[in-house]
Every structure is written in structure tokens, then in C-alpha cells.
C-alpha atoms as a PDB file:
ATOM      1  CA  MET A   1     150.064  92.586  71.085  1.00  0.00           C
ATOM      2  CA  ILE A   2     150.184  96.003  72.656  1.00  0.00           C
ATOM      3  CA  SER A   3     154.029  96.156  71.817  1.00  0.00           C
ATOM      4  CA  TRP A   4     153.442  94.841  68.356  1.00  0.00           C
ATOM      5  CA  LEU A   5     150.739  97.543  67.854  1.00  0.00           C
ATOM      6  CA  GLY A   6     153.345 100.284  69.066  1.00  0.00           C
ATOM      7  CA  TRP A   7     151.047 101.482  71.835  1.00  0.00           C
ATOM      8  CA  ASP A   8     152.288 102.488  75.102  1.00  0.00           C
ATOM      9  CA  TRP A   9     151.140 100.276  78.029  1.00  0.00           C
ATOM     10  CA  GLN A  10     148.206 101.637  80.097  1.00  0.00           C
ATOM     11  CA  ASP A  11     146.628  99.757  83.124  1.00  0.00           C
ATOM     12  CA  LYS A  12     143.140 100.259  81.729  1.00  0.00           C
ATOM     13  CA  PHE A  13     143.979  97.674  79.228  1.00  0.00           C
ATOM     14  CA  LEU A  14     143.283  95.169  81.994  1.00  0.00           C
ATOM     15  CA  SER A  15     139.890  96.386  82.778  1.00  0.00           C
ATOM     16  CA  PRO A  16     138.123  96.740  79.378  1.00  0.00           C
ATOM     17  CA  HIS A  17     134.779  95.796  81.138  1.00  0.00           C
ATOM     18  CA  LEU A  18     135.029  99.355  82.719  1.00  0.00           C
ATOM     19  CA  ASN A  19     135.190 101.248  79.454  1.00  0.00           C
ATOM     20  CA  ALA A  20     131.808 103.279  79.134  1.00  0.00           C
ATOM     21  CA  ARG A  21     132.280 103.202  75.288  1.00  0.00           C
ATOM     22  CA  SER A  22     129.040 102.214  73.384  1.00  0.00           C
ATOM     23  CA  VAL A  23     129.052  98.676  72.118  1.00  0.00           C
ATOM     24  CA  THR A  24     126.384  97.564  69.686  1.00  0.00           C
ATOM     25  CA  THR A  25     127.269  94.007  68.872  1.00  0.00           C
ATOM     26  CA  ALA A  26     125.757  90.503  69.995  1.00  0.00           C
ATOM     27  CA  SER A  27     128.717  90.298  72.440  1.00  0.00           C
ATOM     28  CA  ASN A  28     127.522  93.340  74.409  1.00  0.00           C
ATOM     29  CA  VAL A  29     127.468  91.433  77.771  1.00  0.00           C
ATOM     30  CA  GLN A  30     130.724  89.838  77.148  1.00  0.00           C
ATOM     31  CA  VAL A  31     132.546  93.085  76.530  1.00  0.00           C
ATOM     32  CA  ARG A  32     131.394  94.266  79.970  1.00  0.00           C
ATOM     33  CA  SER A  33     132.608  91.057  81.672  1.00  0.00           C
ATOM     34  CA  PRO A  34     135.916  90.890  83.395  1.00  0.00           C
ATOM     35  CA  ILE A  35     138.919  89.210  81.801  1.00  0.00           C
ATOM     36  CA  ASN A  36     139.037  85.521  82.746  1.00  0.00           C
ATOM     37  CA  THR A  37     140.975  82.365  81.890  1.00  0.00           C
ATOM     38  CA  LYS A  38     137.833  80.411  80.627  1.00  0.00           C
ATOM     39  CA  SER A  39     138.841  80.648  76.926  1.00  0.00           C
ATOM     40  CA  LEU A  40     142.543  80.257  77.194  1.00  0.00           C
ATOM     41  CA  GLY A  41     143.693  77.884  74.365  1.00  0.00           C
ATOM     42  CA  GLY A  42     140.464  78.286  72.576  1.00  0.00           C
ATOM     43  CA  TRP A  43     142.302  79.466  69.568  1.00  0.00           C
ATOM     44  CA  LYS A  44     143.745  75.942  69.197  1.00  0.00           C
ATOM     45  CA  LYS A  45     140.448  74.557  67.748  1.00  0.00           C
ATOM     46  CA  TYR A  46     141.129  76.943  64.759  1.00  0.00           C
ATOM     47  CA  LYS A  47     144.883  76.237  64.529  1.00  0.00           C
ATOM     48  CA  GLU A  48     144.740  74.662  61.035  1.00  0.00           C
ATOM     49  CA  MET A  49     142.531  77.477  59.726  1.00  0.00           C
ATOM     50  CA  LEU A  50     145.102  80.033  61.411  1.00  0.00           C
ATOM     51  CA  ARG A  51     148.103  78.319  59.943  1.00  0.00           C
ATOM     52  CA  PRO A  52     148.497  80.844  56.897  1.00  0.00           C
ATOM     53  CA  ALA A  53     148.462  83.776  59.301  1.00  0.00           C
ATOM     54  CA  MET A  54     150.701  81.991  61.653  1.00  0.00           C
ATOM     55  CA  ALA A  55     153.310  81.564  58.866  1.00  0.00           C
ATOM     56  CA  ILE A  56     153.172  85.258  57.832  1.00  0.00           C
ATOM     57  CA  ILE A  57     153.695  86.241  61.590  1.00  0.00           C
ATOM     58  CA  SER A  58     156.625  83.889  61.974  1.00  0.00           C
ATOM     59  CA  GLN A  59     158.346  85.462  59.074  1.00  0.00           C
ATOM     60  CA  MET A  60     158.416  88.724  60.782  1.00  0.00           C
ATOM     61  CA  ASP A  61     162.053  89.119  62.441  1.00  0.00           C
ATOM     62  CA  LYS A  62     160.593  90.092  65.913  1.00  0.00           C
ATOM     63  CA  TYR A  63     158.373  87.179  65.909  1.00  0.00           C
ATOM     64  CA  LYS A  64     160.449  84.366  64.689  1.00  0.00           C
ATOM     65  CA  ASP A  65     160.997  82.710  68.102  1.00  0.00           C
ATOM     66  CA  LEU A  66     157.140  82.583  68.728  1.00  0.00           C
ATOM     67  CA  LYS A  67     156.261  78.810  69.823  1.00  0.00           C
ATOM     68  CA  TYR A  68     152.563  77.777  68.958  1.00  0.00           C
END
């Protein structure tokens, strides 16, 4: 995603919980939690709903080889 956005890699991307930026959402506590693998694959529950977006992304040349 970092590459797709055209951003340069920064190690701070791996530690969002250390960012002092103000957060005013219901997920305030979640934002301050370290990255974990607990939710890996959670997107699969929404695979059918995401199918239109996946079709658009797969039509983009540099993402044609993505496997879902």
C-alpha cells in the first residue's frame, strides 16, 4: 500500500501506536495498540462486498497478478 500511494518507506509506519497525533474516534484505544496478527484475514468476511473494488484493482496493470 505504501508503494501504491507513492510514499517513501519510513520505519515509523511499523509503530503507529507511538504517534502522538490526536485521535477522536471510537477506536481511540485501538490506534494506540501495537500492530498484531489477530485480525489477519478478517477482510475475507467481506469478500463478496469487496468484489467490485477487487475487480477495479485487478484491472490496474501493476496489480493484475494479485491473488485474493
